[in-house]
Amino acid sequence: MGTRYLLAVFLILLVLGFEVQGTPVPPQDEAASTTLFSQMQESLLGYWDTAKTAAQDLYKKTYLPSMDEKIRDTYSKSTAAVTTYAGIFTDQLLSMLKGDE
């Protein structure tokens, strides 16, 4: 009974698959679609340029050299600390895995 059920489902899916394929869609005019694509592309690039300009202007207005220096100093100190502790952790892990020799 399971085989008949599987065969029936397979045939139904096969018929539905052929129905989905249906009649072919007539080819569209490529010139019209490329113009639409180029218009969309130009519009998106315009929005991108506007957003980029606004972000740059905002950055220039809020730029504080002293804050930039503090951020750079904090970054260099934190990366040095992470590098040191990562080295210690690696050494400890290797000594645990390797064992006493």
N, C-alpha and C. Protein backbone atom coordinates (compact mmCIF):
# COMPACT_ATOMS: atom_id res chain seq x y z
N MET A 1 0.82 -1.19 0.00
CA MET A 1 0.00 0.00 0.00
C MET A 1 0.87 1.25 0.00
N GLY A 2 2.03 1.20 0.66
CA GLY A 2 2.92 2.35 0.68
C GLY A 2 3.46 2.67 -0.69
N THR A 3 3.71 1.64 -1.51
CA THR A 3 4.25 1.85 -2.85
C THR A 3 3.21 2.53 -3.73
N ARG A 4 1.93 2.10 -3.60
CA ARG A 4 0.89 2.72 -4.42
C ARG A 4 0.72 4.20 -4.04
N TYR A 5 0.79 4.48 -2.75
CA TYR A 5 0.66 5.85 -2.28
C TYR A 5 1.81 6.70 -2.83
N LEU A 6 3.02 6.15 -2.78
CA LEU A 6 4.19 6.86 -3.28
C LEU A 6 4.07 7.08 -4.79
N LEU A 7 3.59 6.08 -5.53
CA LEU A 7 3.40 6.22 -6.97
C LEU A 7 2.36 7.27 -7.29
N ALA A 8 1.26 7.31 -6.53
CA ALA A 8 0.22 8.30 -6.77
C ALA A 8 0.75 9.71 -6.52
N VAL A 9 1.50 9.90 -5.43
CA VAL A 9 2.07 11.21 -5.12
C VAL A 9 3.06 11.62 -6.20
N PHE A 10 3.87 10.69 -6.66
CA PHE A 10 4.83 10.98 -7.71
C PHE A 10 4.13 11.42 -8.99
N LEU A 11 3.07 10.71 -9.38
CA LEU A 11 2.35 11.07 -10.60
C LEU A 11 1.68 12.44 -10.47
N ILE A 12 1.13 12.73 -9.29
CA ILE A 12 0.50 14.04 -9.09
C ILE A 12 1.55 15.15 -9.20
N LEU A 13 2.70 14.93 -8.58
CA LEU A 13 3.76 15.93 -8.66
C LEU A 13 4.29 16.09 -10.07
N LEU A 14 4.33 15.00 -10.81
CA LEU A 14 4.78 15.05 -12.20
C LEU A 14 3.82 15.87 -13.05
N VAL A 15 2.51 15.63 -12.87
CA VAL A 15 1.51 16.39 -13.62
C VAL A 15 1.57 17.86 -13.24
N LEU A 16 1.69 18.15 -11.95
CA LEU A 16 1.79 19.54 -11.52
C LEU A 16 3.05 20.22 -12.07
N GLY A 17 4.13 19.47 -12.16
CA GLY A 17 5.36 20.01 -12.71
C GLY A 17 5.20 20.40 -14.16
N PHE A 18 4.50 19.57 -14.94
CA PHE A 18 4.27 19.91 -16.33
C PHE A 18 3.32 21.09 -16.46
N GLU A 19 2.37 21.21 -15.55
CA GLU A 19 1.43 22.33 -15.58
C GLU A 19 2.14 23.63 -15.24
N VAL A 20 3.09 23.57 -14.33
CA VAL A 20 3.83 24.77 -13.95
C VAL A 20 4.65 25.28 -15.12
N GLN A 21 5.23 24.35 -15.89
CA GLN A 21 6.01 24.78 -17.05
C GLN A 21 5.11 25.51 -18.03
N GLY A 22 3.93 25.00 -18.27
CA GLY A 22 2.91 25.68 -19.07
C GLY A 22 3.41 26.18 -20.41
N THR A 23 2.80 27.26 -20.85
CA THR A 23 3.16 27.84 -22.15
C THR A 23 4.34 28.78 -21.96
N PRO A 24 5.22 28.81 -22.92
CA PRO A 24 6.37 29.70 -22.80
C PRO A 24 5.95 31.17 -22.86
N VAL A 25 6.64 32.00 -22.11
CA VAL A 25 6.38 33.43 -22.08
C VAL A 25 7.06 34.05 -23.30
N PRO A 26 6.35 34.91 -24.03
CA PRO A 26 7.00 35.53 -25.19
C PRO A 26 8.17 36.39 -24.75
N PRO A 27 9.22 36.42 -25.54
CA PRO A 27 10.40 37.20 -25.15
C PRO A 27 10.06 38.69 -25.08
N GLN A 28 10.60 39.35 -24.05
CA GLN A 28 10.35 40.77 -23.88
C GLN A 28 11.37 41.58 -24.66
N ASP A 29 11.02 42.80 -24.90
CA ASP A 29 11.93 43.70 -25.59
C ASP A 29 13.11 44.01 -24.67
N GLU A 30 14.31 43.64 -25.08
CA GLU A 30 15.49 43.81 -24.23
C GLU A 30 15.86 45.27 -24.07
N ALA A 31 15.56 46.09 -25.06
CA ALA A 31 15.91 47.50 -24.98
C ALA A 31 15.13 48.17 -23.85
N ALA A 32 13.86 47.81 -23.70
CA ALA A 32 13.04 48.41 -22.65
C ALA A 32 13.52 47.96 -21.28
N SER A 33 13.90 46.68 -21.16
CA SER A 33 14.35 46.19 -19.85
C SER A 33 15.71 46.78 -19.47
N THR A 34 16.60 46.97 -20.44
CA THR A 34 17.89 47.56 -20.11
C THR A 34 17.73 49.03 -19.74
N THR A 35 16.78 49.71 -20.35
CA THR A 35 16.58 51.11 -19.97
C THR A 35 16.04 51.18 -18.55
N LEU A 36 15.13 50.30 -18.22
CA LEU A 36 14.61 50.28 -16.87
C LEU A 36 15.72 49.96 -15.88
N PHE A 37 16.56 48.99 -16.25
CA PHE A 37 17.67 48.62 -15.38
C PHE A 37 18.64 49.79 -15.21
N SER A 38 18.96 50.46 -16.29
CA SER A 38 19.90 51.58 -16.19
C SER A 38 19.30 52.73 -15.39
N GLN A 39 17.99 52.95 -15.51
CA GLN A 39 17.34 53.99 -14.71
C GLN A 39 17.39 53.65 -13.23
N MET A 40 17.13 52.39 -12.91
CA MET A 40 17.19 51.96 -11.52
C MET A 40 18.61 52.09 -10.99
N GLN A 41 19.58 51.71 -11.81
CA GLN A 41 20.97 51.79 -11.39
C GLN A 41 21.38 53.24 -11.14
N GLU A 42 21.00 54.13 -12.03
CA GLU A 42 21.33 55.54 -11.85
C GLU A 42 20.67 56.10 -10.59
N SER A 43 19.42 55.70 -10.36
CA SER A 43 18.71 56.18 -9.18
C SER A 43 19.38 55.69 -7.90
N LEU A 44 19.75 54.40 -7.86
CA LEU A 44 20.40 53.85 -6.67
C LEU A 44 21.77 54.48 -6.45
N LEU A 45 22.51 54.71 -7.53
CA LEU A 45 23.82 55.34 -7.39
C LEU A 45 23.67 56.78 -6.89
N GLY A 46 22.62 57.46 -7.34
CA GLY A 46 22.37 58.82 -6.86
C GLY A 46 22.07 58.83 -5.37
N TYR A 47 21.22 57.89 -4.93
CA TYR A 47 20.93 57.78 -3.49
C TYR A 47 22.19 57.46 -2.70
N TRP A 48 23.02 56.57 -3.24
CA TRP A 48 24.25 56.18 -2.56
C TRP A 48 25.19 57.37 -2.42
N ASP A 49 25.35 58.14 -3.50
CA ASP A 49 26.23 59.30 -3.45
C ASP A 49 25.71 60.34 -2.45
N THR A 50 24.40 60.54 -2.42
CA THR A 50 23.81 61.49 -1.48
C THR A 50 24.06 61.06 -0.04
N ALA A 51 23.85 59.77 0.24
CA ALA A 51 24.07 59.26 1.58
C ALA A 51 25.54 59.35 1.97
N LYS A 52 26.43 59.05 1.02
CA LYS A 52 27.86 59.10 1.29
C LYS A 52 28.30 60.53 1.58
N THR A 53 27.80 61.48 0.82
CA THR A 53 28.14 62.88 1.04
C THR A 53 27.63 63.36 2.40
N ALA A 54 26.41 62.96 2.75
CA ALA A 54 25.84 63.34 4.05
C ALA A 54 26.66 62.75 5.19
N ALA A 55 27.10 61.50 5.06
CA ALA A 55 27.91 60.87 6.10
C ALA A 55 29.26 61.55 6.23
N GLN A 56 29.87 61.90 5.10
CA GLN A 56 31.16 62.59 5.16
C GLN A 56 31.03 63.96 5.81
N ASP A 57 29.96 64.69 5.47
CA ASP A 57 29.74 65.99 6.08
C ASP A 57 29.52 65.87 7.58
N LEU A 58 28.75 64.89 7.99
CA LEU A 58 28.51 64.67 9.41
C LEU A 58 29.80 64.32 10.14
N TYR A 59 30.64 63.49 9.51
CA TYR A 59 31.93 63.13 10.11
C TYR A 59 32.82 64.36 10.26
N LYS A 60 32.84 65.21 9.23
CA LYS A 60 33.68 66.41 9.30
C LYS A 60 33.20 67.37 10.38
N LYS A 61 31.87 67.45 10.57
CA LYS A 61 31.32 68.35 11.58
C LYS A 61 31.60 67.85 12.99
N THR A 62 31.59 66.54 13.18
CA THR A 62 31.73 65.99 14.53
C THR A 62 33.13 65.48 14.83
N TYR A 63 34.08 65.69 13.94
CA TYR A 63 35.44 65.18 14.14
C TYR A 63 36.13 65.94 15.26
N LEU A 64 36.62 65.21 16.24
CA LEU A 64 37.36 65.79 17.35
C LEU A 64 38.74 65.13 17.38
N PRO A 65 39.79 65.90 17.13
CA PRO A 65 41.14 65.30 17.10
C PRO A 65 41.53 64.65 18.42
N SER A 66 41.14 65.25 19.54
CA SER A 66 41.53 64.67 20.83
C SER A 66 40.84 63.32 21.04
N MET A 67 39.59 63.22 20.62
CA MET A 67 38.87 61.96 20.75
C MET A 67 39.46 60.90 19.83
N ASP A 68 39.86 61.32 18.63
CA ASP A 68 40.48 60.39 17.69
C ASP A 68 41.78 59.83 18.27
N GLU A 69 42.54 60.71 18.92
CA GLU A 69 43.80 60.27 19.52
C GLU A 69 43.54 59.29 20.66
N LYS A 70 42.52 59.56 21.47
CA LYS A 70 42.18 58.66 22.57
C LYS A 70 41.73 57.30 22.05
N ILE A 71 40.96 57.30 20.99
CA ILE A 71 40.49 56.03 20.41
C ILE A 71 41.66 55.22 19.87
N ARG A 72 42.57 55.89 19.17
CA ARG A 72 43.74 55.18 18.64
C ARG A 72 44.62 54.62 19.76
N ASP A 73 44.81 55.40 20.83
CA ASP A 73 45.61 54.94 21.96
C ASP A 73 44.96 53.74 22.65
N THR A 74 43.66 53.82 22.86
CA THR A 74 42.93 52.72 23.49
C THR A 74 42.99 51.46 22.63
N TYR A 75 42.86 51.64 21.34
CA TYR A 75 42.93 50.48 20.42
C TYR A 75 44.30 49.82 20.49
N SER A 76 45.36 50.61 20.45
CA SER A 76 46.70 50.02 20.47
C SER A 76 46.98 49.31 21.80
N LYS A 77 46.52 49.91 22.91
CA LYS A 77 46.73 49.26 24.20
C LYS A 77 45.92 47.97 24.32
N SER A 78 44.70 47.99 23.85
CA SER A 78 43.86 46.79 23.97
C SER A 78 44.36 45.67 23.07
N THR A 79 44.83 46.00 21.86
CA THR A 79 45.35 44.94 21.00
C THR A 79 46.64 44.35 21.56
N ALA A 80 47.46 45.19 22.20
CA ALA A 80 48.67 44.66 22.83
C ALA A 80 48.32 43.73 23.98
N ALA A 81 47.32 44.09 24.78
CA ALA A 81 46.92 43.24 25.90
C ALA A 81 46.32 41.93 25.39
N VAL A 82 45.49 41.99 24.37
CA VAL A 82 44.89 40.78 23.82
C VAL A 82 45.96 39.87 23.24
N THR A 83 46.93 40.44 22.56
CA THR A 83 48.01 39.63 22.00
C THR A 83 48.79 38.93 23.10
N THR A 84 49.09 39.66 24.16
CA THR A 84 49.83 39.07 25.28
C THR A 84 49.05 37.92 25.91
N TYR A 85 47.78 38.18 26.24
CA TYR A 85 46.98 37.14 26.90
C TYR A 85 46.68 35.97 25.97
N ALA A 86 46.56 36.21 24.68
CA ALA A 86 46.37 35.11 23.73
C ALA A 86 47.61 34.23 23.69
N GLY A 87 48.80 34.83 23.77
CA GLY A 87 50.03 34.06 23.81
C GLY A 87 50.13 33.22 25.06
N ILE A 88 49.77 33.81 26.22
CA ILE A 88 49.79 33.06 27.48
C ILE A 88 48.81 31.91 27.43
N PHE A 89 47.61 32.17 26.94
CA PHE A 89 46.60 31.12 26.84
C PHE A 89 47.06 29.99 25.92
N THR A 90 47.67 30.35 24.78
CA THR A 90 48.16 29.33 23.86
C THR A 90 49.24 28.48 24.51
N ASP A 91 50.16 29.12 25.22
CA ASP A 91 51.21 28.37 25.91
C ASP A 91 50.63 27.42 26.95
N GLN A 92 49.68 27.89 27.74
CA GLN A 92 49.06 27.04 28.76
C GLN A 92 48.32 25.87 28.12
N LEU A 93 47.60 26.14 27.05
CA LEU A 93 46.85 25.09 26.36
C LEU A 93 47.79 24.04 25.78
N LEU A 94 48.87 24.48 25.16
CA LEU A 94 49.82 23.53 24.60
C LEU A 94 50.50 22.70 25.68
N SER A 95 50.82 23.33 26.81
CA SER A 95 51.46 22.57 27.88
C SER A 95 50.47 21.56 28.49
N MET A 96 49.18 21.90 28.54
CA MET A 96 48.19 20.94 29.05
C MET A 96 48.02 19.78 28.08
N LEU A 97 47.99 20.08 26.80
CA LEU A 97 47.81 19.01 25.81
C LEU A 97 49.03 18.14 25.65
N LYS A 98 50.20 18.76 25.73
CA LYS A 98 51.44 18.04 25.56
C LYS A 98 51.76 17.21 26.79
N GLY A 99 51.45 17.71 27.94
CA GLY A 99 51.72 16.98 29.18
C GLY A 99 53.15 17.19 29.64
N ASP A 100 53.46 16.57 30.76
CA ASP A 100 54.82 16.66 31.31
C ASP A 100 55.72 15.69 30.59
N GLU A 101 56.86 16.17 30.24
CA GLU A 101 57.83 15.31 29.55
C GLU A 101 59.08 15.17 30.33
